[in-house]
Amino acid sequence: MGAPISHYLAYLRPRTFVPTFFLALTGYAASPARPESAFECAVDLVLLLVVYSVLLWGGANAFNSSQDRDEGPVNLLPDPPPRPPQLAAFGLALTVIAVPIAALRGLRPAMIVALCVPVSVYYSWRGAPWRRGKEIGVIDNLINASGSGLAAIALGYSFTPAPFDARIAFVAAAFTIAIFGGVPTSQIFQLEPRDTYATARNYASLLGPRTTLRVGAILLVAHVVLLVAGGWPAPDGAVGVTLLVGWAAIAMVAAAHSWHWAREPLKDPYRRMTRQLGMMMTSQTLFTIAAWLATRSTRS
């Protein structure tokens, strides 16, 4: 390809592999039809990591960097190597390869990945005859939230034969709402005080940092309300109750943090962003463990 393979692999942003894997793991954990065998579960999870985090997410990262012509630090890639030639083709090829590999677990996961590929291309592609998705406020955030919430959870769930039902729909909708509300903090820390929608075309600049954070706080509360209303997962003893209380409490603290941050939205935004995203990831992890335990007890 004209450059060391390590340069191509760096643009997959390997630091995203673990946190993005946990997005899909929530869906797998919520399935009551997971294999009984620990070995079979482990094989599923390795395959899910490869499909979602390495090929689909990593390939989309590489394609995005090719379109943005990244040369300096980017999100979770603080010291990138020189951008290698044909990086766009490399990234796109990985996302396409994810489809037949997902098909090893059936038609449903293959279809979900196949739908994600053109959406991720639309998000980043600079050569399209229309404005790309990442430069249209609300559309940019909707794509991010759908890919990290709805698609990730549906993909993880579809790695098992469990039919889609109302309870997994509540889980997917709730986490999509939470991500839609919380992830735009990663746009806020990149804004300059004088930026407007004309100079920084994204969701946060369209609404303004203060409104973005207040809407985010409301959506994080809605996330908790929706999952409580959906009744999923059912607590299973003291451990299950503790995990669910921890999930809800941390999500509500994240909502309060977002609302408080809105008072001075451009003050110390990077530190506040990492705190916010860290709370959201911790909250989702607790929910995922609770879902795993609840569905395991349902099968036993």
Protein backbone atom coordinates (compact mmCIF):
# COMPACT_ATOMS: atom_id res chain seq x y z
CA MET A 1 0.00 0.00 0.00
CA GLY A 2 3.03 2.29 0.08
CA ALA A 3 3.16 2.68 3.89
CA PRO A 4 3.73 0.38 6.88
CA ILE A 5 0.63 -1.58 7.85
CA SER A 6 0.98 -0.11 11.34
CA HIS A 7 0.08 3.31 9.90
CA TYR A 8 -3.17 1.93 8.52
CA LEU A 9 -3.98 0.11 11.75
CA ALA A 10 -3.37 3.24 13.81
CA TYR A 11 -6.19 5.03 11.97
CA LEU A 12 -8.61 2.36 13.14
CA ARG A 13 -8.08 4.08 16.52
CA PRO A 14 -7.54 0.93 18.62
CA ARG A 15 -8.34 2.86 21.81
CA THR A 16 -11.98 2.83 20.70
CA PHE A 17 -12.18 -0.96 20.48
CA VAL A 18 -13.00 -1.69 24.13
CA PRO A 19 -15.51 1.12 24.80
CA THR A 20 -17.34 0.49 21.52
CA PHE A 21 -17.42 -3.24 22.23
CA PHE A 22 -19.31 -2.53 25.45
CA LEU A 23 -21.99 -0.76 23.41
CA ALA A 24 -22.72 -3.97 21.51
CA LEU A 25 -22.20 -6.14 24.59
CA THR A 26 -25.31 -4.56 26.16
CA GLY A 27 -27.46 -6.12 23.45
CA TYR A 28 -25.82 -9.52 23.79
CA ALA A 29 -26.21 -9.44 27.58
CA ALA A 30 -29.91 -8.60 27.26
CA SER A 31 -30.63 -11.73 25.22
CA PRO A 32 -32.26 -14.66 27.03
CA ALA A 33 -31.02 -16.98 24.27
CA ARG A 34 -27.28 -16.76 24.86
CA PRO A 35 -25.42 -20.10 24.70
CA GLU A 36 -25.19 -22.07 27.93
CA SER A 37 -21.52 -22.84 27.27
CA ALA A 38 -18.99 -20.27 28.47
CA PHE A 39 -16.76 -21.20 25.53
CA GLU A 40 -19.53 -20.56 23.00
CA CYS A 41 -20.27 -17.20 24.63
CA ALA A 42 -16.59 -16.31 24.45
CA VAL A 43 -16.46 -17.15 20.74
CA ASP A 44 -19.54 -14.98 20.15
CA LEU A 45 -17.98 -12.06 22.01
CA VAL A 46 -14.69 -12.27 20.15
CA LEU A 47 -16.57 -12.30 16.86
CA LEU A 48 -18.73 -9.37 18.01
CA LEU A 49 -15.59 -7.41 18.91
CA VAL A 50 -14.07 -8.07 15.50
CA VAL A 51 -17.24 -7.24 13.55
CA TYR A 52 -18.43 -4.16 15.41
CA SER A 53 -15.37 -2.57 17.01
CA VAL A 54 -12.48 -3.49 14.70
CA LEU A 55 -14.02 -3.77 11.24
CA LEU A 56 -17.16 -1.63 11.29
CA TRP A 57 -16.16 1.08 13.79
CA GLY A 58 -12.43 0.95 13.02
CA GLY A 59 -12.99 0.97 9.27
CA ALA A 60 -15.36 3.94 9.62
CA ASN A 61 -12.70 5.77 11.66
CA ALA A 62 -10.09 5.20 8.95
CA PHE A 63 -12.49 6.33 6.22
CA ASN A 64 -13.41 9.41 8.23
CA SER A 65 -9.76 10.37 8.74
CA SER A 66 -9.17 10.03 5.00
CA GLN A 67 -12.06 12.40 4.28
CA ASP A 68 -11.12 14.89 7.01
CA ARG A 69 -7.49 14.72 5.87
CA ASP A 70 -6.42 14.33 9.48
CA GLU A 71 -2.81 15.25 10.14
CA GLY A 72 -2.79 16.05 13.84
CA PRO A 73 -4.35 14.65 17.01
CA VAL A 74 -7.89 13.36 16.60
CA ASN A 75 -10.30 11.77 19.05
CA LEU A 76 -8.55 8.83 20.79
CA LEU A 77 -5.60 9.09 18.40
CA PRO A 78 -3.35 11.69 20.03
CA ASP A 79 -0.23 11.03 17.95
CA PRO A 80 -1.23 9.75 14.50
CA PRO A 81 1.37 8.63 11.96
CA PRO A 82 1.49 10.28 8.52
CA ARG A 83 -1.78 9.57 6.74
CA PRO A 84 -1.08 6.59 4.43
CA PRO A 85 -2.17 6.41 0.80
CA GLN A 86 -5.48 4.74 -0.07
CA LEU A 87 -6.66 5.08 3.51
CA ALA A 88 -10.24 5.59 2.29
CA ALA A 89 -10.21 2.33 0.33
CA PHE A 90 -8.68 0.51 3.30
CA GLY A 91 -11.31 1.78 5.73
CA LEU A 92 -14.19 1.12 3.35
CA ALA A 93 -12.93 -2.40 2.63
CA LEU A 94 -12.93 -3.25 6.34
CA THR A 95 -16.53 -2.10 6.79
CA VAL A 96 -17.61 -4.20 3.80
CA ILE A 97 -15.71 -7.26 5.05
CA ALA A 98 -17.66 -6.96 8.32
CA VAL A 99 -20.85 -8.03 6.49
CA PRO A 100 -19.88 -11.62 5.55
CA ILE A 101 -18.16 -12.13 8.90
CA ALA A 102 -21.33 -11.02 10.70
CA ALA A 103 -23.21 -13.50 8.51
CA LEU A 104 -21.43 -16.27 10.42
CA ARG A 105 -24.03 -15.54 13.09
CA GLY A 106 -26.95 -15.37 10.69
CA LEU A 107 -28.87 -13.11 8.36
CA ARG A 108 -29.97 -10.59 10.99
CA PRO A 109 -26.49 -9.43 12.07
CA ALA A 110 -25.36 -9.34 8.43
CA MET A 111 -28.30 -7.10 7.51
CA ILE A 112 -27.64 -4.75 10.44
CA VAL A 113 -23.99 -4.35 9.45
CA ALA A 114 -24.92 -3.97 5.77
CA LEU A 115 -27.26 -1.10 6.70
CA CYS A 116 -24.56 0.57 8.79
CA VAL A 117 -21.98 0.67 5.99
CA PRO A 118 -23.68 3.20 3.66
CA VAL A 119 -24.75 5.33 6.63
CA SER A 120 -21.16 5.56 7.86
CA VAL A 121 -20.01 6.46 4.35
CA TYR A 122 -22.67 9.18 4.10
CA TYR A 123 -21.52 10.54 7.46
CA SER A 124 -17.95 11.11 6.29
CA TRP A 125 -17.74 11.15 2.48
CA ARG A 126 -16.45 14.49 1.32
CA GLY A 127 -16.75 13.68 -2.40
CA ALA A 128 -20.52 13.20 -2.38
CA PRO A 129 -22.67 15.65 -4.40
CA TRP A 130 -24.55 16.53 -1.18
CA ARG A 131 -23.39 17.84 2.19
CA ARG A 132 -22.06 14.96 4.26
CA GLY A 133 -23.91 13.87 7.37
CA LYS A 134 -21.33 15.05 9.87
CA GLU A 135 -21.80 18.63 8.63
CA ILE A 136 -25.59 18.73 9.16
CA GLY A 137 -26.61 19.56 12.72
CA VAL A 138 -28.94 16.99 14.33
CA ILE A 139 -28.30 14.53 11.46
CA ASP A 140 -24.70 14.17 12.66
CA ASN A 141 -25.80 13.39 16.20
CA LEU A 142 -28.61 11.11 15.06
CA ILE A 143 -26.16 8.99 13.04
CA ASN A 144 -23.73 8.77 15.95
CA ALA A 145 -26.44 7.90 18.46
CA SER A 146 -28.11 5.35 16.19
CA GLY A 147 -24.83 3.63 15.38
CA SER A 148 -23.66 3.54 19.01
CA GLY A 149 -27.06 2.77 20.50
CA LEU A 150 -29.70 1.20 18.27
CA ALA A 151 -27.39 -0.56 15.79
CA ALA A 152 -24.86 -1.70 18.41
CA ILE A 153 -27.47 -3.16 20.75
CA ALA A 154 -29.46 -4.75 17.92
CA LEU A 155 -26.27 -6.30 16.55
CA GLY A 156 -25.22 -7.76 19.89
CA TYR A 157 -28.73 -9.12 20.49
CA SER A 158 -28.92 -10.59 16.99
CA PHE A 159 -25.81 -12.69 17.64
CA THR A 160 -28.27 -14.95 19.47
CA PRO A 161 -31.49 -16.49 18.09
CA ALA A 162 -33.76 -14.52 20.46
CA PRO A 163 -36.60 -12.75 18.61
CA PHE A 164 -36.72 -8.97 18.82
CA ASP A 165 -39.41 -7.88 21.26
CA ALA A 166 -40.64 -4.82 23.16
CA ARG A 167 -38.17 -5.24 26.01
CA ILE A 168 -35.05 -5.10 23.81
CA ALA A 169 -36.67 -2.22 21.92
CA PHE A 170 -36.84 -0.29 25.22
CA VAL A 171 -33.15 -1.00 25.85
CA ALA A 172 -32.07 0.07 22.36
CA ALA A 173 -34.25 3.21 22.41
CA ALA A 174 -33.12 4.22 25.90
CA PHE A 175 -29.40 3.98 25.16
CA THR A 176 -29.83 5.73 21.81
CA ILE A 177 -31.50 8.61 23.66
CA ALA A 178 -28.73 8.71 26.27
CA ILE A 179 -26.00 8.78 23.63
CA PHE A 180 -27.87 11.44 21.63
CA GLY A 181 -27.92 13.56 24.77
CA GLY A 182 -24.43 12.92 26.13
CA VAL A 183 -22.01 12.38 23.26
CA PRO A 184 -22.28 15.93 21.78
CA THR A 185 -20.08 17.01 24.69
CA SER A 186 -17.23 15.78 22.45
CA GLN A 187 -18.20 18.54 20.00
CA ILE A 188 -18.35 21.23 22.69
CA PHE A 189 -14.74 20.91 23.74
CA GLN A 190 -13.66 21.58 20.14
CA LEU A 191 -15.71 24.78 19.82
CA GLU A 192 -14.13 28.21 20.03
CA PRO A 193 -16.05 31.02 21.77
CA ARG A 194 -16.75 32.75 18.46
CA ASP A 195 -17.82 29.64 16.57
CA THR A 196 -21.25 29.59 14.98
CA TYR A 197 -23.06 27.01 12.89
CA ALA A 198 -21.50 28.61 9.81
CA THR A 199 -17.95 28.05 11.08
CA ALA A 200 -18.40 24.73 12.89
CA ARG A 201 -21.24 22.78 11.35
CA ASN A 202 -22.46 20.29 13.94
CA TYR A 203 -25.20 19.62 16.45
CA ALA A 204 -23.54 21.51 19.33
CA SER A 205 -22.95 24.66 17.30
CA LEU A 206 -26.50 24.55 15.91
CA LEU A 207 -28.12 24.45 19.35
CA GLY A 208 -25.32 26.29 21.12
CA PRO A 209 -23.26 24.68 23.91
CA ARG A 210 -25.59 25.77 26.73
CA THR A 211 -28.74 24.39 25.10
CA THR A 212 -26.90 21.24 24.01
CA LEU A 213 -25.97 20.47 27.60
CA ARG A 214 -29.44 21.19 28.95
CA VAL A 215 -31.09 19.02 26.31
CA GLY A 216 -28.52 16.33 27.13
CA ALA A 217 -29.44 16.44 30.81
CA ILE A 218 -33.14 16.03 29.99
CA LEU A 219 -32.44 13.11 27.66
CA LEU A 220 -30.33 11.32 30.28
CA VAL A 221 -33.26 11.53 32.68
CA ALA A 222 -35.56 10.27 29.91
CA HIS A 223 -33.16 7.36 29.41
CA VAL A 224 -33.66 6.25 33.02
CA VAL A 225 -37.42 6.77 32.91
CA LEU A 226 -37.75 4.76 29.70
CA LEU A 227 -35.86 1.75 31.03
CA VAL A 228 -37.73 1.80 34.33
CA ALA A 229 -41.01 1.96 32.39
CA GLY A 230 -39.88 -0.93 30.23
CA GLY A 231 -39.19 -3.03 33.31
CA TRP A 232 -35.89 -4.37 31.98
CA PRO A 233 -33.91 -6.03 33.36
CA ALA A 234 -35.83 -7.39 36.33
CA PRO A 235 -33.75 -7.22 39.54
CA ASP A 236 -32.38 -10.59 40.64
CA GLY A 237 -31.60 -10.44 44.35
CA ALA A 238 -29.41 -7.93 46.14
CA VAL A 239 -26.70 -7.93 43.49
CA GLY A 240 -29.14 -7.18 40.68
CA VAL A 241 -30.82 -4.41 42.66
CA THR A 242 -27.45 -2.87 43.56
CA LEU A 243 -26.34 -2.89 39.94
CA LEU A 244 -29.57 -1.31 38.73
CA VAL A 245 -29.51 1.34 41.45
CA GLY A 246 -25.90 2.10 40.48
CA TRP A 247 -26.84 2.35 36.79
CA ALA A 248 -29.72 4.76 37.46
CA ALA A 249 -27.84 6.81 40.05
CA ILE A 250 -24.80 7.38 37.86
CA ALA A 251 -27.00 8.26 34.87
CA MET A 252 -28.84 10.83 37.00
CA VAL A 253 -25.55 12.25 38.29
CA ALA A 254 -24.42 12.58 34.66
CA ALA A 255 -27.65 14.46 33.93
CA ALA A 256 -27.03 16.81 36.86
CA HIS A 257 -23.43 17.29 35.74
CA SER A 258 -24.59 18.24 32.24
CA TRP A 259 -27.13 20.73 33.62
CA HIS A 260 -24.52 22.32 35.92
CA TRP A 261 -21.94 22.43 33.12
CA ALA A 262 -24.41 24.48 31.04
CA ARG A 263 -23.84 27.45 33.35
CA GLU A 264 -20.34 27.89 31.89
CA PRO A 265 -20.30 25.60 28.84
CA LEU A 266 -16.88 26.59 27.50
CA LYS A 267 -15.04 26.44 30.83
CA ASP A 268 -12.67 23.47 31.08
CA PRO A 269 -14.67 21.52 28.47
CA TYR A 270 -12.20 18.66 27.90
CA ARG A 271 -12.04 17.60 31.55
CA ARG A 272 -15.81 17.88 31.86
CA MET A 273 -16.32 15.90 28.67
CA THR A 274 -14.14 13.02 29.86
CA ARG A 275 -15.98 12.99 33.19
CA GLN A 276 -19.36 12.99 31.45
CA LEU A 277 -18.51 10.22 29.00
CA GLY A 278 -16.86 8.21 31.78
CA MET A 279 -20.03 8.33 33.87
CA MET A 280 -22.13 7.30 30.90
CA MET A 281 -19.87 4.33 30.14
CA THR A 282 -19.80 3.26 33.78
CA SER A 283 -23.58 3.48 33.99
CA GLN A 284 -24.04 1.39 30.86
CA THR A 285 -21.54 -1.20 32.12
CA LEU A 286 -23.51 -1.65 35.35
CA PHE A 287 -26.72 -2.04 33.37
CA THR A 288 -25.06 -4.59 31.09
CA ILE A 289 -23.92 -6.72 34.03
CA ALA A 290 -27.41 -6.54 35.54
CA ALA A 291 -28.96 -7.57 32.22
CA TRP A 292 -26.56 -10.52 31.93
CA LEU A 293 -27.44 -11.74 35.41
CA ALA A 294 -31.16 -11.21 34.91
CA THR A 295 -31.32 -13.13 31.63
CA ARG A 296 -29.15 -15.90 33.07
CA SER A 297 -31.57 -16.35 35.97
CA THR A 298 -34.50 -16.37 33.54
CA ARG A 299 -33.01 -19.34 31.69
CA SER A 300 -32.14 -21.34 34.80
